[in-house]
């Protein structure tokens, strides 16, 4: 279950970004790629388990699913979902949906 190490890194990054801004973290928004290899439920559970005693103690976690998307290396056209991952005689390249991104931190500042 690598979700716990991902959450630890996420909370550390939020703490780094929030430091010096003098506010309370209220929401952490994360984009989760379909092919990121991360289980959404396990990530949410890990976050709830890990956040007490951190800058994220009172912060909600919002996860946004990002679908996988491929494009042609030659012409740049997008490949339809379920189609053969090849165009212009070349293999397609994955252009989104394989990453986990800290998208936004909502801070309540005095």
PDB file of N, CA and C in Angstrom:
ATOM      1  N   UNK A   1       0.838  -1.183   0.000  1.00  0.00           N
ATOM      2  CA  UNK A   1       0.000   0.000   0.000  1.00  0.00           C
ATOM      3  C   UNK A   1       0.885   1.249   0.000  1.00  0.00           C
ATOM      4  N   UNK A   2       1.232   1.715  -1.176  1.00  0.00           N
ATOM      5  CA  UNK A   2       2.084   2.900  -1.280  1.00  0.00           C
ATOM      6  C   UNK A   2       1.306   4.197  -1.105  1.00  0.00           C
ATOM      7  N   UNK A   3      -0.009   4.098  -0.959  1.00  0.00           N
ATOM      8  CA  UNK A   3      -0.826   5.296  -0.767  1.00  0.00           C
ATOM      9  C   UNK A   3      -0.421   6.072   0.486  1.00  0.00           C
ATOM     10  N   UNK A   4       0.016   5.365   1.531  1.00  0.00           N
ATOM     11  CA  UNK A   4       0.434   6.054   2.755  1.00  0.00           C
ATOM     12  C   UNK A   4       1.684   6.894   2.529  1.00  0.00           C
ATOM     13  N   UNK A   5       2.639   6.385   1.782  1.00  0.00           N
ATOM     14  CA  UNK A   5       3.839   7.182   1.494  1.00  0.00           C
ATOM     15  C   UNK A   5       3.496   8.352   0.574  1.00  0.00           C
ATOM     16  N   UNK A   6       2.550   8.166  -0.332  1.00  0.00           N
ATOM     17  CA  UNK A   6       2.108   9.273  -1.183  1.00  0.00           C
ATOM     18  C   UNK A   6       1.438  10.360  -0.354  1.00  0.00           C
ATOM     19  N   UNK A   7       0.606   9.966   0.602  1.00  0.00           N
ATOM     20  CA  UNK A   7      -0.065  10.940   1.465  1.00  0.00           C
ATOM     21  C   UNK A   7       0.954  11.662   2.334  1.00  0.00           C
ATOM     22  N   UNK A   8       1.938  10.945   2.832  1.00  0.00           N
ATOM     23  CA  UNK A   8       2.967  11.592   3.644  1.00  0.00           C
ATOM     24  C   UNK A   8       3.675  12.671   2.828  1.00  0.00           C
ATOM     25  N   UNK A   9       4.046  12.349   1.596  1.00  0.00           N
ATOM     26  CA  UNK A   9       4.700  13.329   0.725  1.00  0.00           C
ATOM     27  C   UNK A   9       3.756  14.486   0.399  1.00  0.00           C
ATOM     28  N   UNK A  10       2.494  14.187   0.184  1.00  0.00           N
ATOM     29  CA  UNK A  10       1.494  15.217  -0.108  1.00  0.00           C
ATOM     30  C   UNK A  10       1.360  16.193   1.058  1.00  0.00           C
ATOM     31  N   UNK A  11       1.230  15.676   2.269  1.00  0.00           N
ATOM     32  CA  UNK A  11       1.079  16.531   3.451  1.00  0.00           C
ATOM     33  C   UNK A  11       2.342  17.358   3.677  1.00  0.00           C
ATOM     34  N   UNK A  12       3.498  16.761   3.447  1.00  0.00           N
ATOM     35  CA  UNK A  12       4.751  17.519   3.577  1.00  0.00           C
ATOM     36  C   UNK A  12       4.801  18.661   2.564  1.00  0.00           C
ATOM     37  N   UNK A  13       4.346  18.404   1.353  1.00  0.00           N
ATOM     38  CA  UNK A  13       4.333  19.454   0.328  1.00  0.00           C
ATOM     39  C   UNK A  13       3.342  20.560   0.682  1.00  0.00           C
ATOM     40  N   UNK A  14       2.177  20.184   1.172  1.00  0.00           N
ATOM     41  CA  UNK A  14       1.185  21.180   1.593  1.00  0.00           C
ATOM     42  C   UNK A  14       1.760  22.023   2.722  1.00  0.00           C
ATOM     43  N   UNK A  15       2.425  21.396   3.683  1.00  0.00           N
ATOM     44  CA  UNK A  15       3.035  22.129   4.797  1.00  0.00           C
ATOM     45  C   UNK A  15       4.083  23.106   4.270  1.00  0.00           C
ATOM     46  N   UNK A  16       4.877  22.683   3.317  1.00  0.00           N
ATOM     47  CA  UNK A  16       5.898  23.550   2.718  1.00  0.00           C
ATOM     48  C   UNK A  16       5.262  24.760   2.033  1.00  0.00           C
ATOM     49  N   UNK A  17       4.204  24.523   1.281  1.00  0.00           N
ATOM     50  CA  UNK A  17       3.527  25.604   0.559  1.00  0.00           C
ATOM     51  C   UNK A  17       2.781  26.547   1.506  1.00  0.00           C
ATOM     52  N   UNK A  18       2.211  25.996   2.570  1.00  0.00           N
ATOM     53  CA  UNK A  18       1.422  26.802   3.502  1.00  0.00           C
ATOM     54  C   UNK A  18       2.301  27.602   4.470  1.00  0.00           C
ATOM     55  N   UNK A  19       3.513  27.107   4.697  1.00  0.00           N
ATOM     56  CA  UNK A  19       4.427  27.775   5.627  1.00  0.00           C
ATOM     57  C   UNK A  19       4.662  29.217   5.180  1.00  0.00           C
ATOM     58  N   UNK A  20       4.573  30.137   6.098  1.00  0.00           N
ATOM     59  CA  UNK A  20       4.836  31.537   5.779  1.00  0.00           C
ATOM     60  C   UNK A  20       3.641  32.300   5.236  1.00  0.00           C
ATOM     61  N   UNK A  21       2.573  31.598   4.929  1.00  0.00           N
ATOM     62  CA  UNK A  21       1.396  32.293   4.412  1.00  0.00           C
ATOM     63  C   UNK A  21       0.422  32.643   5.540  1.00  0.00           C
ATOM     64  N   UNK A  22       0.670  32.081   6.729  1.00  0.00           N
ATOM     65  CA  UNK A  22      -0.104  32.440   7.903  1.00  0.00           C
ATOM     66  C   UNK A  22      -1.570  32.095   7.856  1.00  0.00           C
ATOM     67  N   UNK A  23      -1.910  30.959   7.307  1.00  0.00           N
ATOM     68  CA  UNK A  23      -3.310  30.578   7.249  1.00  0.00           C
ATOM     69  C   UNK A  23      -3.507  29.119   7.592  1.00  0.00           C
ATOM     70  N   UNK A  24      -4.756  28.740   7.733  1.00  0.00           N
ATOM     71  CA  UNK A  24      -5.113  27.357   8.022  1.00  0.00           C
ATOM     72  C   UNK A  24      -5.519  26.662   6.730  1.00  0.00           C
ATOM     73  N   UNK A  25      -5.013  25.463   6.523  1.00  0.00           N
ATOM     74  CA  UNK A  25      -5.357  24.683   5.338  1.00  0.00           C
ATOM     75  C   UNK A  25      -6.778  24.159   5.510  1.00  0.00           C
ATOM     76  N   UNK A  26      -7.638  24.436   4.547  1.00  0.00           N
ATOM     77  CA  UNK A  26      -9.036  24.011   4.611  1.00  0.00           C
ATOM     78  C   UNK A  26      -9.380  22.920   3.599  1.00  0.00           C
ATOM     79  N   UNK A  27      -8.676  22.912   2.475  1.00  0.00           N
ATOM     80  CA  UNK A  27      -8.967  21.907   1.449  1.00  0.00           C
ATOM     81  C   UNK A  27      -7.725  21.652   0.609  1.00  0.00           C
ATOM     82  N   UNK A  28      -7.511  20.389   0.296  1.00  0.00           N
ATOM     83  CA  UNK A  28      -6.413  19.980  -0.577  1.00  0.00           C
ATOM     84  C   UNK A  28      -7.046  19.298  -1.779  1.00  0.00           C
ATOM     85  N   UNK A  29      -6.773  19.852  -2.967  1.00  0.00           N
ATOM     86  CA  UNK A  29      -7.333  19.292  -4.203  1.00  0.00           C
ATOM     87  C   UNK A  29      -6.231  18.588  -4.991  1.00  0.00           C
ATOM     88  N   UNK A  30      -6.522  17.345  -5.360  1.00  0.00           N
ATOM     89  CA  UNK A  30      -5.552  16.503  -6.043  1.00  0.00           C
ATOM     90  C   UNK A  30      -6.184  15.938  -7.309  1.00  0.00           C
ATOM     91  N   UNK A  31      -5.425  15.984  -8.406  1.00  0.00           N
ATOM     92  CA  UNK A  31      -5.841  15.323  -9.649  1.00  0.00           C
ATOM     93  C   UNK A  31      -5.201  13.946  -9.668  1.00  0.00           C
ATOM     94  N   UNK A  32      -6.031  12.927  -9.889  1.00  0.00           N
ATOM     95  CA  UNK A  32      -5.592  11.541  -9.855  1.00  0.00           C
ATOM     96  C   UNK A  32      -5.823  10.892 -11.214  1.00  0.00           C
ATOM     97  N   UNK A  33      -4.730  10.599 -11.891  1.00  0.00           N
ATOM     98  CA  UNK A  33      -4.810   9.984 -13.209  1.00  0.00           C
ATOM     99  C   UNK A  33      -5.327   8.554 -13.152  1.00  0.00           C
ATOM    100  N   UNK A  34      -6.113   8.227 -14.149  1.00  0.00           N
ATOM    101  CA  UNK A  34      -6.706   6.887 -14.260  1.00  0.00           C
ATOM    102  C   UNK A  34      -5.640   5.788 -14.246  1.00  0.00           C
ATOM    103  N   UNK A  35      -4.478   6.069 -14.824  1.00  0.00           N
ATOM    104  CA  UNK A  35      -3.404   5.082 -14.909  1.00  0.00           C
ATOM    105  C   UNK A  35      -2.270   5.366 -13.933  1.00  0.00           C
ATOM    106  N   UNK A  36      -2.533   6.120 -12.874  1.00  0.00           N
ATOM    107  CA  UNK A  36      -1.497   6.483 -11.907  1.00  0.00           C
ATOM    108  C   UNK A  36      -1.101   5.321 -10.999  1.00  0.00           C
ATOM    109  N   UNK A  37      -1.907   4.290 -10.970  1.00  0.00           N
ATOM    110  CA  UNK A  37      -1.603   3.152 -10.112  1.00  0.00           C
ATOM    111  C   UNK A  37      -1.911   3.421  -8.653  1.00  0.00           C
ATOM    112  N   UNK A  38      -2.853   4.350  -8.413  1.00  0.00           N
ATOM    113  CA  UNK A  38      -3.238   4.716  -7.055  1.00  0.00           C
ATOM    114  C   UNK A  38      -4.721   4.432  -6.876  1.00  0.00           C
ATOM    115  N   UNK A  39      -5.054   3.737  -5.811  1.00  0.00           N
ATOM    116  CA  UNK A  39      -6.448   3.441  -5.502  1.00  0.00           C
ATOM    117  C   UNK A  39      -7.057   4.651  -4.789  1.00  0.00           C
ATOM    118  N   UNK A  40      -8.110   5.201  -5.359  1.00  0.00           N
ATOM    119  CA  UNK A  40      -8.738   6.414  -4.820  1.00  0.00           C
ATOM    120  C   UNK A  40      -9.215   6.220  -3.389  1.00  0.00           C
ATOM    121  N   UNK A  41      -9.864   5.113  -3.089  1.00  0.00           N
ATOM    122  CA  UNK A  41     -10.380   4.863  -1.743  1.00  0.00           C
ATOM    123  C   UNK A  41      -9.249   4.701  -0.734  1.00  0.00           C
ATOM    124  N   UNK A  42      -8.203   3.976  -1.127  1.00  0.00           N
ATOM    125  CA  UNK A  42      -7.065   3.798  -0.223  1.00  0.00           C
ATOM    126  C   UNK A  42      -6.358   5.125   0.030  1.00  0.00           C
ATOM    127  N   UNK A  43      -6.258   5.971  -0.990  1.00  0.00           N
ATOM    128  CA  UNK A  43      -5.628   7.279  -0.830  1.00  0.00           C
ATOM    129  C   UNK A  43      -6.440   8.135   0.139  1.00  0.00           C
ATOM    130  N   UNK A  44      -7.749   8.135  -0.009  1.00  0.00           N
ATOM    131  CA  UNK A  44      -8.622   8.907   0.884  1.00  0.00           C
ATOM    132  C   UNK A  44      -8.525   8.389   2.316  1.00  0.00           C
ATOM    133  N   UNK A  45      -8.499   7.090   2.485  1.00  0.00           N
ATOM    134  CA  UNK A  45      -8.367   6.492   3.817  1.00  0.00           C
ATOM    135  C   UNK A  45      -7.011   6.835   4.425  1.00  0.00           C
ATOM    136  N   UNK A  46      -5.962   6.745   3.634  1.00  0.00           N
ATOM    137  CA  UNK A  46      -4.620   7.085   4.113  1.00  0.00           C
ATOM    138  C   UNK A  46      -4.558   8.539   4.535  1.00  0.00           C
ATOM    139  N   UNK A  47      -5.199   9.416   3.778  1.00  0.00           N
ATOM    140  CA  UNK A  47      -5.218  10.846   4.114  1.00  0.00           C
ATOM    141  C   UNK A  47      -5.909  11.070   5.463  1.00  0.00           C
ATOM    142  N   UNK A  48      -7.066  10.457   5.642  1.00  0.00           N
ATOM    143  CA  UNK A  48      -7.803  10.605   6.905  1.00  0.00           C
ATOM    144  C   UNK A  48      -7.010  10.053   8.082  1.00  0.00           C
ATOM    145  N   UNK A  49      -6.251   9.000   7.862  1.00  0.00           N
ATOM    146  CA  UNK A  49      -5.442   8.383   8.904  1.00  0.00           C
ATOM    147  C   UNK A  49      -4.221   9.240   9.242  1.00  0.00           C
ATOM    148  N   UNK A  50      -3.618   9.829   8.229  1.00  0.00           N
ATOM    149  CA  UNK A  50      -2.340  10.533   8.381  1.00  0.00           C
ATOM    150  C   UNK A  50      -2.483  11.992   8.813  1.00  0.00           C
ATOM    151  N   UNK A  51      -3.591  12.641   8.504  1.00  0.00           N
ATOM    152  CA  UNK A  51      -3.695  14.091   8.680  1.00  0.00           C
ATOM    153  C   UNK A  51      -3.758  14.614  10.110  1.00  0.00           C
ATOM    154  N   UNK A  52      -4.268  13.867  11.110  1.00  0.00           N
ATOM    155  CA  UNK A  52      -4.280  14.414  12.469  1.00  0.00           C
ATOM    156  C   UNK A  52      -2.867  14.818  12.915  1.00  0.00           C
ATOM    157  N   UNK A  53      -2.784  16.002  13.517  1.00  0.00           N
ATOM    158  CA  UNK A  53      -1.509  16.500  14.004  1.00  0.00           C
ATOM    159  C   UNK A  53      -0.650  17.170  12.950  1.00  0.00           C
ATOM    160  N   UNK A  54      -1.201  17.332  11.743  1.00  0.00           N
ATOM    161  CA  UNK A  54      -0.470  17.990  10.661  1.00  0.00           C
ATOM    162  C   UNK A  54      -1.197  19.272  10.260  1.00  0.00           C
ATOM    163  N   UNK A  55      -0.620  20.015   9.321  1.00  0.00           N
ATOM    164  CA  UNK A  55      -1.276  21.227   8.818  1.00  0.00           C
ATOM    165  C   UNK A  55      -2.594  20.899   8.122  1.00  0.00           C
ATOM    166  N   UNK A  56      -2.790  19.652   7.771  1.00  0.00           N
ATOM    167  CA  UNK A  56      -4.003  19.219   7.071  1.00  0.00           C
ATOM    168  C   UNK A  56      -5.062  18.663   8.016  1.00  0.00           C
ATOM    169  N   UNK A  57      -4.856  18.822   9.327  1.00  0.00           N
ATOM    170  CA  UNK A  57      -5.758  18.221  10.314  1.00  0.00           C
ATOM    171  C   UNK A  57      -7.222  18.580  10.085  1.00  0.00           C
ATOM    172  N   UNK A  58      -7.482  19.822   9.679  1.00  0.00           N
ATOM    173  CA  UNK A  58      -8.866  20.260   9.472  1.00  0.00           C
ATOM    174  C   UNK A  58      -9.210  20.431   7.991  1.00  0.00           C
ATOM    175  N   UNK A  59      -8.404  19.865   7.129  1.00  0.00           N
ATOM    176  CA  UNK A  59      -8.584  20.064   5.688  1.00  0.00           C
ATOM    177  C   UNK A  59      -9.227  18.854   5.025  1.00  0.00           C
ATOM    178  N   UNK A  60     -10.171  19.145   4.163  1.00  0.00           N
ATOM    179  CA  UNK A  60     -10.799  18.101   3.350  1.00  0.00           C
ATOM    180  C   UNK A  60      -9.873  17.744   2.189  1.00  0.00           C
ATOM    181  N   UNK A  61     -10.014  16.542   1.690  1.00  0.00           N
ATOM    182  CA  UNK A  61      -9.284  16.101   0.498  1.00  0.00           C
ATOM    183  C   UNK A  61     -10.293  15.925  -0.621  1.00  0.00           C
ATOM    184  N   UNK A  62     -10.069  16.629  -1.730  1.00  0.00           N
ATOM    185  CA  UNK A  62     -10.925  16.466  -2.912  1.00  0.00           C
ATOM    186  C   UNK A  62     -10.093  15.851  -4.018  1.00  0.00           C
ATOM    187  N   UNK A  63     -10.579  14.734  -4.529  1.00  0.00           N
ATOM    188  CA  UNK A  63      -9.890  14.029  -5.602  1.00  0.00           C
ATOM    189  C   UNK A  63     -10.664  14.192  -6.903  1.00  0.00           C
ATOM    190  N   UNK A  64      -9.953  14.546  -7.945  1.00  0.00           N
ATOM    191  CA  UNK A  64     -10.566  14.663  -9.268  1.00  0.00           C
ATOM    192  C   UNK A  64      -9.915  13.626 -10.177  1.00  0.00           C
ATOM    193  N   UNK A  65     -10.739  12.748 -10.725  1.00  0.00           N
ATOM    194  CA  UNK A  65     -10.248  11.727 -11.641  1.00  0.00           C
ATOM    195  C   UNK A  65      -9.892  12.341 -12.994  1.00  0.00           C
ATOM    196  N   UNK A  66      -8.748  11.985 -13.529  1.00  0.00           N
ATOM    197  CA  UNK A  66      -8.306  12.450 -14.844  1.00  0.00           C
ATOM    198  C   UNK A  66      -8.216  11.227 -15.750  1.00  0.00           C
ATOM    199  N   UNK A  67      -8.992  11.201 -16.834  1.00  0.00           N
ATOM    200  CA  UNK A  67      -8.965  10.042 -17.728  1.00  0.00           C
ATOM    201  C   UNK A  67      -7.658   9.965 -18.516  1.00  0.00           C
ATOM    202  N   UNK A  68      -7.296   8.751 -18.892  1.00  0.00           N
ATOM    203  CA  UNK A  68      -6.116   8.553 -19.732  1.00  0.00           C
ATOM    204  C   UNK A  68      -6.429   9.057 -21.137  1.00  0.00           C
ATOM    205  N   UNK A  69      -5.418   9.638 -21.771  1.00  0.00           N
ATOM    206  CA  UNK A  69      -5.598  10.160 -23.132  1.00  0.00           C
ATOM    207  C   UNK A  69      -4.293  10.012 -23.898  1.00  0.00           C
ATOM    208  N   UNK A  70      -4.409   9.533 -25.144  1.00  0.00           N
ATOM    209  CA  UNK A  70      -3.252   9.322 -25.995  1.00  0.00           C
ATOM    210  C   UNK A  70      -3.330  10.201 -27.225  1.00  0.00           C
ATOM    211  N   UNK A  71      -2.154  10.505 -27.779  1.00  0.00           N
ATOM    212  CA  UNK A  71      -2.116  11.259 -29.035  1.00  0.00           C
ATOM    213  C   UNK A  71      -1.047  10.671 -29.945  1.00  0.00           C
ATOM    214  N   UNK A  72      -1.138  11.055 -31.214  1.00  0.00           N
ATOM    215  CA  UNK A  72      -0.189  10.601 -32.222  1.00  0.00           C
ATOM    216  C   UNK A  72       1.105  11.405 -32.109  1.00  0.00           C
ATOM    217  N   UNK A  73       2.231  10.722 -32.164  1.00  0.00           N
ATOM    218  CA  UNK A  73       3.537  11.386 -32.100  1.00  0.00           C
ATOM    219  C   UNK A  73       3.828  12.184 -33.372  1.00  0.00           C
ATOM    220  N   UNK A  74       3.196  11.807 -34.471  1.00  0.00           N
ATOM    221  CA  UNK A  74       3.490  12.439 -35.763  1.00  0.00           C
ATOM    222  C   UNK A  74       2.542  13.609 -36.039  1.00  0.00           C
ATOM    223  N   UNK A  75       1.238  13.331 -36.061  1.00  0.00           N
ATOM    224  CA  UNK A  75       0.272  14.374 -36.452  1.00  0.00           C
ATOM    225  C   UNK A  75      -0.328  15.125 -35.268  1.00  0.00           C
ATOM    226  N   UNK A  76      -0.148  14.589 -34.053  1.00  0.00           N
ATOM    227  CA  UNK A  76      -0.677  15.258 -32.872  1.00  0.00           C
ATOM    228  C   UNK A  76      -2.143  14.999 -32.604  1.00  0.00           C
ATOM    229  N   UNK A  77      -2.799  14.239 -33.460  1.00  0.00           N
ATOM    230  CA  UNK A  77      -4.218  13.943 -33.265  1.00  0.00           C
ATOM    231  C   UNK A  77      -4.444  13.032 -32.069  1.00  0.00           C
ATOM    232  N   UNK A  78      -5.604  13.182 -31.454  1.00  0.00           N
ATOM    233  CA  UNK A  78      -5.928  12.341 -30.302  1.00  0.00           C
ATOM    234  C   UNK A  78      -6.490  11.010 -30.757  1.00  0.00           C
ATOM    235  N   UNK A  79      -6.184   9.972 -30.007  1.00  0.00           N
ATOM    236  CA  UNK A  79      -6.640   8.617 -30.287  1.00  0.00           C
ATOM    237  C   UNK A  79      -7.902   8.375 -29.454  1.00  0.00           C
ATOM    238  N   UNK A  80      -8.955   7.921 -30.106  1.00  0.00           N
ATOM    239  CA  UNK A  80     -10.219   7.642 -29.419  1.00  0.00           C
ATOM    240  C   UNK A  80     -10.035   6.503 -28.423  1.00  0.00           C
ATOM    241  N   UNK A  81     -10.746   6.603 -27.318  1.00  0.00           N
ATOM    242  CA  UNK A  81     -10.704   5.566 -26.283  1.00  0.00           C
ATOM    243  C   UNK A  81     -11.151   4.236 -26.900  1.00  0.00           C
ATOM    244  N   UNK A  82     -10.378   3.206 -26.643  1.00  0.00           N
ATOM    245  CA  UNK A  82     -10.691   1.877 -27.141  1.00  0.00           C
ATOM    246  C   UNK A  82     -10.118   1.589 -28.518  1.00  0.00           C
ATOM    247  N   UNK A  83      -9.598   2.626 -29.198  1.00  0.00           N
ATOM    248  CA  UNK A  83      -9.005   2.436 -30.520  1.00  0.00           C
ATOM    249  C   UNK A  83      -7.578   1.902 -30.381  1.00  0.00           C
ATOM    250  N   UNK A  84      -7.060   1.415 -31.476  1.00  0.00           N
ATOM    251  CA  UNK A  84      -5.677   0.940 -31.511  1.00  0.00           C
ATOM    252  C   UNK A  84      -4.751   2.113 -31.201  1.00  0.00           C
ATOM    253  N   UNK A  85      -3.783   1.905 -30.338  1.00  0.00           N
ATOM    254  CA  UNK A  85      -2.884   2.975 -29.904  1.00  0.00           C
ATOM    255  C   UNK A  85      -1.740   3.152 -30.899  1.00  0.00           C
ATOM    256  N   UNK A  86      -2.141   3.479 -32.129  1.00  0.00           N
ATOM    257  CA  UNK A  86      -1.180   3.698 -33.202  1.00  0.00           C
ATOM    258  C   UNK A  86      -1.808   4.640 -34.223  1.00  0.00           C
ATOM    259  N   UNK A  87      -0.974   5.522 -34.791  1.00  0.00           N
ATOM    260  CA  UNK A  87      -1.433   6.457 -35.805  1.00  0.00           C
ATOM    261  C   UNK A  87      -0.235   6.850 -36.647  1.00  0.00           C
ATOM    262  N   UNK A  88      -0.452   7.090 -37.906  1.00  0.00           N
ATOM    263  CA  UNK A  88       0.630   7.499 -38.812  1.00  0.00           C
ATOM    264  C   UNK A  88       1.801   6.519 -38.776  1.00  0.00           C
ATOM    265  N   UNK A  89       1.494   5.243 -38.521  1.00  0.00           N
ATOM    266  CA  UNK A  89       2.525   4.213 -38.493  1.00  0.00           C
ATOM    267  C   UNK A  89       3.388   4.209 -37.244  1.00  0.00           C
ATOM    268  N   UNK A  90       3.049   5.009 -36.264  1.00  0.00           N
ATOM    269  CA  UNK A  90       3.829   5.111 -35.028  1.00  0.00           C
ATOM    270  C   UNK A  90       2.954   4.789 -33.815  1.00  0.00           C
ATOM    271  N   UNK A  91       3.575   4.293 -32.741  1.00  0.00           N
ATOM    272  CA  UNK A  91       2.806   4.088 -31.515  1.00  0.00           C
ATOM    273  C   UNK A  91       2.366   5.428 -30.928  1.00  0.00           C
ATOM    274  N   UNK A  92       1.198   5.432 -30.322  1.00  0.00           N
ATOM    275  CA  UNK A  92       0.688   6.649 -29.689  1.00  0.00           C
ATOM    276  C   UNK A  92       1.463   6.909 -28.401  1.00  0.00           C
ATOM    277  N   UNK A  93       1.366   8.159 -27.924  1.00  0.00           N
ATOM    278  CA  UNK A  93       2.008   8.493 -26.648  1.00  0.00           C
ATOM    279  C   UNK A  93       0.926   8.915 -25.656  1.00  0.00           C
ATOM    280  N   UNK A  94       1.130   8.538 -24.423  1.00  0.00           N
ATOM    281  CA  UNK A  94       0.208   8.904 -23.355  1.00  0.00           C
ATOM    282  C   UNK A  94       0.459  10.363 -22.989  1.00  0.00           C
ATOM    283  N   UNK A  95      -0.591  11.206 -23.046  1.00  0.00           N
ATOM    284  CA  UNK A  95      -0.422  12.638 -22.775  1.00  0.00           C
ATOM    285  C   UNK A  95      -1.082  13.084 -21.468  1.00  0.00           C
ATOM    286  N   UNK A  96      -1.927  12.256 -20.895  1.00  0.00           N
ATOM    287  CA  UNK A  96      -2.509  12.580 -19.585  1.00  0.00           C
ATOM    288  C   UNK A  96      -3.081  11.328 -18.963  1.00  0.00           C
ATOM    289  N   UNK A  97      -3.205  11.374 -17.640  1.00  0.00           N
ATOM    290  CA  UNK A  97      -3.883  10.295 -16.941  1.00  0.00           C
ATOM    291  C   UNK A  97      -2.988   9.307 -16.239  1.00  0.00           C
ATOM    292  N   UNK A  98      -1.683   9.600 -16.153  1.00  0.00           N
ATOM    293  CA  UNK A  98      -0.787   8.674 -15.473  1.00  0.00           C
ATOM    294  C   UNK A  98      -0.074   9.313 -14.284  1.00  0.00           C
ATOM    295  N   UNK A  99      -0.632  10.413 -13.783  1.00  0.00           N
ATOM    296  CA  UNK A  99       0.058  11.106 -12.700  1.00  0.00           C
ATOM    297  C   UNK A  99      -0.870  11.463 -11.547  1.00  0.00           C
ATOM    298  N   UNK A 100      -0.238  11.883 -10.473  1.00  0.00           N
ATOM    299  CA  UNK A 100      -0.920  12.346  -9.274  1.00  0.00           C
ATOM    300  C   UNK A 100      -0.404  13.761  -9.045  1.00  0.00           C
ATOM    301  N   UNK A 101      -1.305  14.758  -9.064  1.00  0.00           N
ATOM    302  CA  UNK A 101      -0.893  16.159  -9.034  1.00  0.00           C
ATOM    303  C   UNK A 101      -1.588  16.900  -7.899  1.00  0.00           C
ATOM    304  N   UNK A 102      -0.783  17.579  -7.077  1.00  0.00           N
ATOM    305  CA  UNK A 102      -1.344  18.505  -6.095  1.00  0.00           C
ATOM    306  C   UNK A 102      -1.791  19.718  -6.885  1.00  0.00           C
ATOM    307  N   UNK A 103      -3.093  19.881  -7.028  1.00  0.00           N
ATOM    308  CA  UNK A 103      -3.658  20.895  -7.908  1.00  0.00           C
ATOM    309  C   UNK A 103      -3.904  22.225  -7.207  1.00  0.00           C
ATOM    310  N   UNK A 104      -4.409  22.171  -5.970  1.00  0.00           N
ATOM    311  CA  UNK A 104      -4.788  23.419  -5.295  1.00  0.00           C
ATOM    312  C   UNK A 104      -4.823  23.202  -3.785  1.00  0.00           C
ATOM    313  N   UNK A 105      -4.426  24.238  -3.058  1.00  0.00           N
ATOM    314  CA  UNK A 105      -4.526  24.256  -1.594  1.00  0.00           C
ATOM    315  C   UNK A 105      -5.368  25.460  -1.221  1.00  0.00           C
ATOM    316  N   UNK A 106      -6.463  25.242  -0.514  1.00  0.00           N
ATOM    317  CA  UNK A 106      -7.295  26.344  -0.032  1.00  0.00           C
ATOM    318  C   UNK A 106      -6.858  26.684   1.379  1.00  0.00           C
ATOM    319  N   UNK A 107      -6.482  27.950   1.571  1.00  0.00           N
ATOM    320  CA  UNK A 107      -6.059  28.456   2.871  1.00  0.00           C
ATOM    321  C   UNK A 107      -7.047  29.475   3.388  1.00  0.00           C
ATOM    322  N   UNK A 108      -7.313  29.429   4.676  1.00  0.00           N
ATOM    323  CA  UNK A 108      -8.117  30.466   5.321  1.00  0.00           C
ATOM    324  C   UNK A 108      -7.116  31.369   6.035  1.00  0.00           C
ATOM    325  N   UNK A 109      -7.007  32.600   5.561  1.00  0.00           N
ATOM    326  CA  UNK A 109      -6.031  33.528   6.143  1.00  0.00           C
ATOM    327  C   UNK A 109      -6.741  34.568   6.987  1.00  0.00           C
ATOM    328  N   UNK A 110      -6.073  35.019   8.065  1.00  0.00           N
ATOM    329  CA  UNK A 110      -6.701  36.010   8.938  1.00  0.00           C
ATOM    330  C   UNK A 110      -6.847  37.363   8.243  1.00  0.00           C
TER     331      UNK A 110
END
